[in-house]
Amino acid sequence: MSHLIDHVPPTQPRSAVRITAADPETGEAIDPDLAAALFEQLMEAVFDRDIETEEWRQRALCAQTDPESFFPEKGGSVREAKRICAGCEVRAECLEYALAQDERFGIWGGLSERERRPLRRGTTSRRDAADGDAR
């Protein structure tokens, strides 16, 4: 489904947004109420995800430590970052975020980019990767 959202001045309520939607295959217009409902669901999901992300980040132990430990120079030690991650309550959320955002650098969820690579490919389970490599 494609849609166009008409510009609404910031003084107008969000409900004043007019959505025109059409099926991309047939070109038929989609019911405006359905389009508006789908848009509202999308916006709620986007905003809820942002809030959720911020909540886990605020509880992360790495937020209270030196970020350089989590982004070492090539060949540098990741031991300290992994030690911190091992005791972190939001380790799973951090790893999920890194995989969803395709983070290519740093230690996320206790794993390096090299250790996350098989997870992105689906060749290793998250539990196996976290249990085996977070030393």
Protein backbone atom coordinates (compact mmCIF):
# COMPACT_ATOMS: atom_id res chain seq x y z
CA MET A 1 0.00 0.00 0.00
CA SER A 2 1.30 3.43 -0.78
CA HIS A 3 0.05 6.59 0.83
CA LEU A 4 0.49 10.32 0.81
CA ILE A 5 0.13 12.39 3.93
CA ASP A 6 -0.90 15.95 3.26
CA HIS A 7 0.97 18.66 5.15
CA VAL A 8 -0.80 19.88 8.26
CA PRO A 9 0.42 22.96 10.16
CA PRO A 10 1.77 22.17 13.66
CA THR A 11 -1.15 24.06 15.19
CA GLN A 12 -3.62 21.51 13.79
CA PRO A 13 -4.40 18.34 15.76
CA ARG A 14 -2.93 15.10 14.44
CA SER A 15 -6.44 13.95 13.58
CA ALA A 16 -6.50 16.68 10.92
CA VAL A 17 -3.96 14.79 8.80
CA ARG A 18 -5.59 13.68 5.56
CA ILE A 19 -4.30 10.43 4.13
CA THR A 20 -4.80 9.39 0.54
CA ALA A 21 -3.98 5.73 -0.02
CA ALA A 22 -4.11 3.49 -3.04
CA ASP A 23 -3.33 -0.14 -3.70
CA PRO A 24 -0.06 -0.06 -5.68
CA GLU A 25 -1.10 -3.01 -7.87
CA THR A 26 -4.61 -1.94 -8.82
CA GLY A 27 -4.48 1.78 -8.22
CA GLU A 28 -7.82 1.56 -6.41
CA ALA A 29 -8.34 3.98 -3.57
CA ILE A 30 -8.34 2.49 -0.09
CA ASP A 31 -11.03 3.55 2.33
CA PRO A 32 -9.75 6.71 4.08
CA ASP A 33 -10.85 5.45 7.50
CA LEU A 34 -8.88 2.23 6.99
CA ALA A 35 -5.84 4.19 5.78
CA ALA A 36 -6.06 6.49 8.81
CA ALA A 37 -6.35 3.51 11.18
CA LEU A 38 -3.32 1.84 9.58
CA PHE A 39 -1.36 5.07 9.84
CA GLU A 40 -2.26 5.45 13.53
CA GLN A 41 -1.13 1.87 14.21
CA LEU A 42 2.13 2.53 12.43
CA MET A 43 2.78 5.74 14.35
CA GLU A 44 1.98 4.10 17.68
CA ALA A 45 4.38 1.26 16.90
CA VAL A 46 7.12 3.70 15.91
CA PHE A 47 6.70 5.85 18.99
CA ASP A 48 6.33 2.88 21.36
CA ARG A 49 9.54 1.36 19.97
CA ASP A 50 11.46 4.59 20.51
CA ILE A 51 10.28 4.83 24.10
CA GLU A 52 11.09 1.17 24.74
CA THR A 53 14.57 1.61 23.27
CA GLU A 54 15.26 4.60 25.47
CA GLU A 55 14.10 2.77 28.58
CA TRP A 56 16.51 -0.14 28.16
CA ARG A 57 19.37 2.18 27.23
CA GLN A 58 18.92 4.15 30.43
CA ARG A 59 19.18 0.94 32.47
CA ALA A 60 22.24 -0.35 30.59
CA LEU A 61 25.45 -0.65 32.61
CA CYS A 62 27.47 0.63 29.66
CA ALA A 63 25.70 3.98 29.97
CA GLN A 64 27.52 4.40 33.29
CA THR A 65 31.00 3.49 32.00
CA ASP A 66 33.62 4.59 29.50
CA PRO A 67 32.24 4.07 25.97
CA GLU A 68 35.74 3.44 24.61
CA SER A 69 35.65 -0.01 26.24
CA PHE A 70 32.78 -0.93 23.93
CA PHE A 71 34.43 0.43 20.77
CA PRO A 72 38.07 -0.67 21.04
CA GLU A 73 40.72 0.01 18.42
CA LYS A 74 41.28 -2.80 15.93
CA GLY A 75 42.98 -5.62 17.81
CA GLY A 76 42.18 -4.03 21.19
CA SER A 77 40.81 -5.96 24.12
CA VAL A 78 37.06 -6.43 24.53
CA ARG A 79 37.44 -8.21 27.87
CA GLU A 80 36.29 -5.25 30.01
CA ALA A 81 33.23 -4.54 27.85
CA LYS A 82 32.19 -8.20 27.93
CA ARG A 83 32.66 -8.31 31.70
CA ILE A 84 30.31 -5.32 32.06
CA CYS A 85 27.78 -6.83 29.65
CA ALA A 86 27.77 -10.14 31.53
CA GLY A 87 26.25 -8.40 34.56
CA CYS A 88 23.84 -6.16 32.65
CA GLU A 89 20.09 -6.66 33.02
CA VAL A 90 19.29 -5.38 29.51
CA ARG A 91 21.83 -7.49 27.63
CA ALA A 92 19.15 -9.27 25.57
CA GLU A 93 17.48 -5.98 24.55
CA CYS A 94 20.88 -4.55 23.60
CA LEU A 95 21.68 -7.56 21.40
CA GLU A 96 18.24 -7.42 19.76
CA TYR A 97 18.77 -3.72 19.03
CA ALA A 98 22.22 -4.33 17.51
CA LEU A 99 20.86 -7.07 15.26
CA ALA A 100 17.82 -5.05 14.20
CA GLN A 101 19.96 -1.96 13.46
CA ASP A 102 22.71 -4.02 11.80
CA GLU A 103 25.36 -2.51 14.09
CA ARG A 104 28.76 -3.26 12.57
CA PHE A 105 31.01 -1.84 15.27
CA GLY A 106 31.42 -2.29 18.98
CA ILE A 107 30.28 -4.67 21.66
CA TRP A 108 26.50 -4.95 21.87
CA GLY A 109 24.71 -7.40 24.13
CA GLY A 110 28.07 -8.89 25.10
CA LEU A 111 29.01 -9.81 21.52
CA SER A 112 31.42 -8.33 19.01
CA GLU A 113 30.47 -7.71 15.39
CA ARG A 114 32.23 -10.95 14.42
CA GLU A 115 30.18 -12.85 17.03
CA ARG A 116 26.93 -11.19 15.90
CA ARG A 117 27.49 -12.02 12.23
CA PRO A 118 26.27 -15.66 12.48
CA LEU A 119 23.16 -14.44 14.30
CA ARG A 120 22.30 -12.14 11.41
CA ARG A 121 22.77 -15.03 9.01
CA GLY A 122 20.74 -17.35 11.22
CA THR A 123 23.53 -19.92 11.60
CA THR A 124 23.76 -19.58 15.41
CA SER A 125 21.10 -19.12 18.05
CA ARG A 126 21.28 -16.01 20.23
CA ARG A 127 21.50 -18.13 23.37
CA ASP A 128 24.42 -20.18 22.00
CA ALA A 129 26.27 -17.06 20.93
CA ALA A 130 25.75 -15.29 24.25
CA ASP A 131 26.60 -18.33 26.37
CA GLY A 132 29.67 -19.32 24.42
CA ASP A 133 31.37 -16.05 23.65
CA ALA A 134 30.62 -13.64 26.50
CA ARG A 135 33.72 -14.19 28.59
